[in-house]
Amino acid sequence: MVRRALTPEAVERGRRLGAQLRRARGDRTITEVAAAAGVSPETLRKIETGRLATPSFATVAAVAASLGLSLDALAAEALLTDIASTTT
């Protein structure tokens, strides 16, 4: 199966997700948060930098839980940003 290239919009959503998670991580290390989420530090680093624009739902849920973030809050911020970008 050949995977299609991501659209610019999908890449931008991935960057925003990574930025949200990075802000929420605060002073905690990547290693600490990754261990708490059960993912590798490299996976978390890729998500935070936008190099992994479409992480699995399970990965996002685990990282969000380790940071004390609700998935609703992550989705709300993403949707608000999407709405704002389509109305300007």
Protein backbone atom coordinates (compact mmCIF):
# COMPACT_ATOMS: atom_id res chain seq x y z
CA MET A 1 0.00 0.00 0.00
CA VAL A 2 1.36 3.37 -1.03
CA ARG A 3 0.75 6.19 1.38
CA ARG A 4 -0.30 9.51 -0.10
CA ALA A 5 1.68 12.62 0.65
CA LEU A 6 0.18 14.79 3.36
CA THR A 7 -1.59 17.97 2.37
CA PRO A 8 -0.11 21.27 3.55
CA GLU A 9 -3.11 21.58 5.89
CA ALA A 10 -2.39 18.19 7.49
CA VAL A 11 1.26 19.13 7.96
CA GLU A 12 0.23 22.41 9.60
CA ARG A 13 -2.21 20.61 11.93
CA GLY A 14 0.65 18.30 12.93
CA ARG A 15 2.87 21.28 13.70
CA ARG A 16 0.14 22.85 15.83
CA LEU A 17 -0.45 19.61 17.72
CA GLY A 18 3.27 19.31 18.40
CA ALA A 19 3.43 22.90 19.61
CA GLN A 20 0.47 22.32 21.95
CA LEU A 21 2.11 19.25 23.44
CA ARG A 22 5.46 21.03 23.76
CA ARG A 23 3.87 23.94 25.62
CA ALA A 24 2.06 21.53 27.93
CA ARG A 25 5.30 19.64 28.65
CA GLY A 26 6.77 22.79 30.19
CA ASP A 27 9.93 22.03 32.18
CA ARG A 28 9.51 18.25 32.05
CA THR A 29 12.00 16.43 29.87
CA ILE A 30 11.07 14.59 26.71
CA THR A 31 12.38 11.41 28.31
CA GLU A 32 10.18 11.85 31.38
CA VAL A 33 6.99 12.51 29.41
CA ALA A 34 7.72 9.80 26.84
CA ALA A 35 8.27 7.22 29.58
CA ALA A 36 5.03 8.22 31.30
CA ALA A 37 3.19 7.92 27.97
CA GLY A 38 4.83 4.65 26.99
CA VAL A 39 6.34 6.01 23.78
CA SER A 40 9.94 6.51 22.75
CA PRO A 41 11.57 9.90 23.31
CA GLU A 42 12.27 10.04 19.57
CA THR A 43 8.57 9.59 18.77
CA LEU A 44 7.65 12.42 21.12
CA ARG A 45 10.42 14.59 19.67
CA LYS A 46 9.10 13.97 16.14
CA ILE A 47 5.55 14.87 17.20
CA GLU A 48 6.66 18.04 18.98
CA THR A 49 8.71 19.22 16.01
CA GLY A 50 6.02 18.39 13.46
CA ARG A 51 8.10 15.72 11.71
CA LEU A 52 5.41 13.17 12.62
CA ALA A 53 2.36 15.11 11.50
CA THR A 54 -0.16 12.30 11.87
CA PRO A 55 0.64 10.30 15.00
CA SER A 56 -1.74 7.51 15.95
CA PHE A 57 -4.72 8.31 18.12
CA ALA A 58 -3.40 5.98 20.83
CA THR A 59 -0.08 7.83 20.89
CA VAL A 60 -1.74 11.25 21.11
CA ALA A 61 -4.08 10.00 23.85
CA ALA A 62 -1.19 8.55 25.87
CA VAL A 63 0.94 11.68 25.60
CA ALA A 64 -2.03 13.93 26.42
CA ALA A 65 -2.85 11.81 29.48
CA SER A 66 0.75 11.95 30.68
CA LEU A 67 0.59 15.74 30.43
CA GLY A 68 -2.80 16.03 32.10
CA LEU A 69 -4.43 17.31 28.91
CA SER A 70 -7.86 16.27 27.77
CA LEU A 71 -8.36 15.23 24.18
CA ASP A 72 -11.28 17.65 24.10
CA ALA A 73 -8.93 20.54 24.87
CA LEU A 74 -6.47 19.47 22.16
CA ALA A 75 -9.27 19.10 19.61
CA ALA A 76 -10.91 22.39 20.56
CA GLU A 77 -7.71 24.35 20.03
CA ALA A 78 -7.11 22.62 16.70
CA LEU A 79 -10.66 23.27 15.52
CA LEU A 80 -10.60 26.91 16.58
CA THR A 81 -7.36 27.41 14.69
CA ASP A 82 -8.79 25.67 11.61
CA ILE A 83 -11.93 27.82 11.73
CA ALA A 84 -9.93 31.01 12.16
CA SER A 85 -7.68 30.17 9.22
CA THR A 86 -10.63 29.49 6.89
CA THR A 87 -12.44 32.72 7.74
CA THR A 88 -9.51 35.05 7.14
